[in-house]
């Protein structure tokens, strides 16, 4: 299993925009990952709330981090489906995405992500998603 720093390096190496977005992989564990998005005023949409695409991006990054950590850097895994429920207005603070692999098969993984504003107990979004896992080619 990869460490949080190794996973973060893979994400930032494969998607340089992740560094610009302030993606930080705080922890990885068996079937779990915690990812932080550093707050930036550019995340706020009219109406004073963090934009939906920002929350979706965090959820996707958290799912990807869980997959990378638990499949030893399987970088070619891709999002197949993402469903999000917006639950409450995010505070203007860092966002935390806690991802958990619910089921890990040979060809796909089903995940859940709970998104919070840092320092606030109420969940701001609940996400479920599926990742497609390509067959590994023999070396």
C-alpha atoms as a PDB file:
ATOM      1  CA  UNK A   1       0.000   0.000   0.000  1.00  0.00           C
ATOM      2  CA  UNK A   2       1.228   3.503  -0.836  1.00  0.00           C
ATOM      3  CA  UNK A   3       1.639   6.311   1.683  1.00  0.00           C
ATOM      4  CA  UNK A   4      -0.317   9.579   1.607  1.00  0.00           C
ATOM      5  CA  UNK A   5       2.737  11.466   0.303  1.00  0.00           C
ATOM      6  CA  UNK A   6       3.276   8.906  -2.482  1.00  0.00           C
ATOM      7  CA  UNK A   7      -0.371   9.158  -3.511  1.00  0.00           C
ATOM      8  CA  UNK A   8      -0.239  12.961  -3.476  1.00  0.00           C
ATOM      9  CA  UNK A   9       2.887  12.903  -5.664  1.00  0.00           C
ATOM     10  CA  UNK A  10       1.161  10.592  -8.169  1.00  0.00           C
ATOM     11  CA  UNK A  11      -1.915  12.812  -8.326  1.00  0.00           C
ATOM     12  CA  UNK A  12       0.098  16.010  -8.720  1.00  0.00           C
ATOM     13  CA  UNK A  13       2.446  14.375 -11.249  1.00  0.00           C
ATOM     14  CA  UNK A  14      -0.405  13.089 -13.401  1.00  0.00           C
ATOM     15  CA  UNK A  15      -2.549  16.200 -13.038  1.00  0.00           C
ATOM     16  CA  UNK A  16      -0.496  19.355 -12.402  1.00  0.00           C
ATOM     17  CA  UNK A  17      -3.709  21.363 -11.828  1.00  0.00           C
ATOM     18  CA  UNK A  18      -4.124  19.419  -8.578  1.00  0.00           C
ATOM     19  CA  UNK A  19      -1.251  21.383  -7.062  1.00  0.00           C
ATOM     20  CA  UNK A  20      -2.841  24.654  -8.209  1.00  0.00           C
ATOM     21  CA  UNK A  21      -6.146  23.581  -6.641  1.00  0.00           C
ATOM     22  CA  UNK A  22      -4.441  22.934  -3.313  1.00  0.00           C
ATOM     23  CA  UNK A  23      -4.987  19.161  -3.230  1.00  0.00           C
ATOM     24  CA  UNK A  24      -3.410  17.625  -0.114  1.00  0.00           C
ATOM     25  CA  UNK A  25      -3.660  13.898   0.590  1.00  0.00           C
ATOM     26  CA  UNK A  26      -3.697  13.879   4.386  1.00  0.00           C
ATOM     27  CA  UNK A  27      -4.004  10.167   5.006  1.00  0.00           C
ATOM     28  CA  UNK A  28      -4.585   6.804   3.396  1.00  0.00           C
ATOM     29  CA  UNK A  29      -5.525   3.576   5.074  1.00  0.00           C
ATOM     30  CA  UNK A  30      -6.976   0.252   4.126  1.00  0.00           C
ATOM     31  CA  UNK A  31      -9.874   1.206   1.817  1.00  0.00           C
ATOM     32  CA  UNK A  32      -9.824   4.874   2.887  1.00  0.00           C
ATOM     33  CA  UNK A  33      -8.335   8.230   1.990  1.00  0.00           C
ATOM     34  CA  UNK A  34      -8.681  11.749   3.370  1.00  0.00           C
ATOM     35  CA  UNK A  35      -8.071  14.638   0.982  1.00  0.00           C
ATOM     36  CA  UNK A  36      -8.057  18.362   1.787  1.00  0.00           C
ATOM     37  CA  UNK A  37      -8.706  21.197  -0.647  1.00  0.00           C
ATOM     38  CA  UNK A  38      -7.156  24.412   0.633  1.00  0.00           C
ATOM     39  CA  UNK A  39      -9.748  27.181   0.590  1.00  0.00           C
ATOM     40  CA  UNK A  40      -9.335  29.831  -2.064  1.00  0.00           C
ATOM     41  CA  UNK A  41     -11.795  32.669  -2.748  1.00  0.00           C
ATOM     42  CA  UNK A  42     -11.902  31.557  -6.415  1.00  0.00           C
ATOM     43  CA  UNK A  43     -13.915  28.501  -5.260  1.00  0.00           C
ATOM     44  CA  UNK A  44     -16.858  30.731  -4.261  1.00  0.00           C
ATOM     45  CA  UNK A  45     -19.703  31.185  -6.710  1.00  0.00           C
ATOM     46  CA  UNK A  46     -22.356  33.915  -6.780  1.00  0.00           C
ATOM     47  CA  UNK A  47     -24.467  33.587  -3.664  1.00  0.00           C
ATOM     48  CA  UNK A  48     -21.409  33.149  -1.457  1.00  0.00           C
ATOM     49  CA  UNK A  49     -21.123  29.364  -1.487  1.00  0.00           C
ATOM     50  CA  UNK A  50     -18.393  27.018  -2.667  1.00  0.00           C
ATOM     51  CA  UNK A  51     -19.188  25.913  -6.210  1.00  0.00           C
ATOM     52  CA  UNK A  52     -20.582  22.479  -7.007  1.00  0.00           C
ATOM     53  CA  UNK A  53     -17.754  21.675  -9.426  1.00  0.00           C
ATOM     54  CA  UNK A  54     -15.262  22.297  -6.599  1.00  0.00           C
ATOM     55  CA  UNK A  55     -17.066  19.772  -4.383  1.00  0.00           C
ATOM     56  CA  UNK A  56     -17.261  17.262  -7.253  1.00  0.00           C
ATOM     57  CA  UNK A  57     -13.572  17.694  -7.947  1.00  0.00           C
ATOM     58  CA  UNK A  58     -12.707  17.077  -4.299  1.00  0.00           C
ATOM     59  CA  UNK A  59     -14.869  13.941  -4.242  1.00  0.00           C
ATOM     60  CA  UNK A  60     -13.188  12.617  -7.379  1.00  0.00           C
ATOM     61  CA  UNK A  61      -9.718  13.360  -5.993  1.00  0.00           C
ATOM     62  CA  UNK A  62     -10.552  11.575  -2.732  1.00  0.00           C
ATOM     63  CA  UNK A  63     -11.864   8.502  -4.567  1.00  0.00           C
ATOM     64  CA  UNK A  64      -8.799   8.459  -6.808  1.00  0.00           C
ATOM     65  CA  UNK A  65      -6.508   8.724  -3.765  1.00  0.00           C
ATOM     66  CA  UNK A  66      -8.194   5.709  -2.154  1.00  0.00           C
ATOM     67  CA  UNK A  67      -7.827   3.703  -5.376  1.00  0.00           C
ATOM     68  CA  UNK A  68      -4.178   4.700  -5.862  1.00  0.00           C
ATOM     69  CA  UNK A  69      -3.243   3.835  -2.286  1.00  0.00           C
ATOM     70  CA  UNK A  70      -4.982   0.482  -2.251  1.00  0.00           C
ATOM     71  CA  UNK A  71      -3.978  -0.645  -5.757  1.00  0.00           C
ATOM     72  CA  UNK A  72      -0.306   0.343  -5.491  1.00  0.00           C
ATOM     73  CA  UNK A  73      -0.499   3.303  -7.852  1.00  0.00           C
ATOM     74  CA  UNK A  74      -2.915   1.988 -10.504  1.00  0.00           C
ATOM     75  CA  UNK A  75      -2.917   5.357 -12.301  1.00  0.00           C
ATOM     76  CA  UNK A  76      -5.114   4.275 -15.197  1.00  0.00           C
ATOM     77  CA  UNK A  77      -8.188   3.750 -13.013  1.00  0.00           C
ATOM     78  CA  UNK A  78     -10.843   6.219 -14.182  1.00  0.00           C
ATOM     79  CA  UNK A  79     -14.101   7.641 -12.903  1.00  0.00           C
ATOM     80  CA  UNK A  80     -17.017   5.729 -14.352  1.00  0.00           C
ATOM     81  CA  UNK A  81     -19.829   7.321 -12.362  1.00  0.00           C
ATOM     82  CA  UNK A  82     -20.201  10.075  -9.769  1.00  0.00           C
ATOM     83  CA  UNK A  83     -23.413  10.962  -7.918  1.00  0.00           C
ATOM     84  CA  UNK A  84     -23.481  13.885  -5.510  1.00  0.00           C
ATOM     85  CA  UNK A  85     -26.046  15.134  -3.034  1.00  0.00           C
ATOM     86  CA  UNK A  86     -25.494  18.680  -1.792  1.00  0.00           C
ATOM     87  CA  UNK A  87     -26.612  18.786   1.838  1.00  0.00           C
ATOM     88  CA  UNK A  88     -25.680  22.177   3.284  1.00  0.00           C
ATOM     89  CA  UNK A  89     -23.833  25.372   2.402  1.00  0.00           C
ATOM     90  CA  UNK A  90     -20.058  24.901   2.800  1.00  0.00           C
ATOM     91  CA  UNK A  91     -18.282  27.372   5.046  1.00  0.00           C
ATOM     92  CA  UNK A  92     -15.520  29.511   3.502  1.00  0.00           C
ATOM     93  CA  UNK A  93     -12.840  27.140   4.803  1.00  0.00           C
ATOM     94  CA  UNK A  94     -10.734  24.198   3.670  1.00  0.00           C
ATOM     95  CA  UNK A  95     -12.822  21.288   2.433  1.00  0.00           C
ATOM     96  CA  UNK A  96     -12.225  17.726   3.630  1.00  0.00           C
ATOM     97  CA  UNK A  97     -13.191  14.660   1.605  1.00  0.00           C
ATOM     98  CA  UNK A  98     -13.262  11.320   3.432  1.00  0.00           C
ATOM     99  CA  UNK A  99     -13.398   8.505   0.872  1.00  0.00           C
ATOM    100  CA  UNK A 100     -14.050   4.846   1.535  1.00  0.00           C
ATOM    101  CA  UNK A 101     -13.908   1.932  -0.874  1.00  0.00           C
ATOM    102  CA  UNK A 102     -17.178   0.063  -0.346  1.00  0.00           C
ATOM    103  CA  UNK A 103     -16.418  -2.735  -2.792  1.00  0.00           C
ATOM    104  CA  UNK A 104     -13.217  -3.437  -4.680  1.00  0.00           C
ATOM    105  CA  UNK A 105     -13.496  -5.897  -7.553  1.00  0.00           C
ATOM    106  CA  UNK A 106     -11.152  -6.886 -10.365  1.00  0.00           C
ATOM    107  CA  UNK A 107     -12.699  -4.474 -12.884  1.00  0.00           C
ATOM    108  CA  UNK A 108     -14.369  -1.786 -10.772  1.00  0.00           C
ATOM    109  CA  UNK A 109     -14.588  -0.180  -7.356  1.00  0.00           C
ATOM    110  CA  UNK A 110     -17.566   1.411  -5.630  1.00  0.00           C
ATOM    111  CA  UNK A 111     -16.761   4.280  -3.286  1.00  0.00           C
ATOM    112  CA  UNK A 112     -18.412   6.745  -0.936  1.00  0.00           C
ATOM    113  CA  UNK A 113     -17.169  10.225  -0.018  1.00  0.00           C
ATOM    114  CA  UNK A 114     -18.327  12.466   2.805  1.00  0.00           C
ATOM    115  CA  UNK A 115     -17.399  16.125   2.374  1.00  0.00           C
ATOM    116  CA  UNK A 116     -17.085  18.576   5.268  1.00  0.00           C
ATOM    117  CA  UNK A 117     -15.947  22.159   5.752  1.00  0.00           C
ATOM    118  CA  UNK A 118     -12.936  22.124   8.048  1.00  0.00           C
ATOM    119  CA  UNK A 119     -14.008  22.652  11.647  1.00  0.00           C
ATOM    120  CA  UNK A 120     -17.726  22.042  10.959  1.00  0.00           C
ATOM    121  CA  UNK A 121     -19.421  18.784  11.959  1.00  0.00           C
ATOM    122  CA  UNK A 122     -22.293  18.925   9.457  1.00  0.00           C
ATOM    123  CA  UNK A 123     -21.648  17.119   6.184  1.00  0.00           C
ATOM    124  CA  UNK A 124     -21.927  19.473   3.170  1.00  0.00           C
ATOM    125  CA  UNK A 125     -22.123  16.769   0.489  1.00  0.00           C
ATOM    126  CA  UNK A 126     -22.467  13.011   0.166  1.00  0.00           C
ATOM    127  CA  UNK A 127     -21.003  11.339  -2.906  1.00  0.00           C
ATOM    128  CA  UNK A 128     -21.045   7.849  -4.341  1.00  0.00           C
ATOM    129  CA  UNK A 129     -18.999   6.817  -7.317  1.00  0.00           C
ATOM    130  CA  UNK A 130     -17.643   3.977  -9.366  1.00  0.00           C
ATOM    131  CA  UNK A 131     -14.130   3.688 -10.727  1.00  0.00           C
ATOM    132  CA  UNK A 132     -13.248   1.448 -13.674  1.00  0.00           C
ATOM    133  CA  UNK A 133     -10.047  -0.505 -13.087  1.00  0.00           C
ATOM    134  CA  UNK A 134      -8.266  -1.567 -16.264  1.00  0.00           C
ATOM    135  CA  UNK A 135      -6.660  -4.975 -16.549  1.00  0.00           C
ATOM    136  CA  UNK A 136      -3.002  -4.892 -15.689  1.00  0.00           C
ATOM    137  CA  UNK A 137      -0.744  -5.952 -18.532  1.00  0.00           C
ATOM    138  CA  UNK A 138       1.908  -8.514 -17.600  1.00  0.00           C
ATOM    139  CA  UNK A 139       5.374  -6.977 -17.377  1.00  0.00           C
END
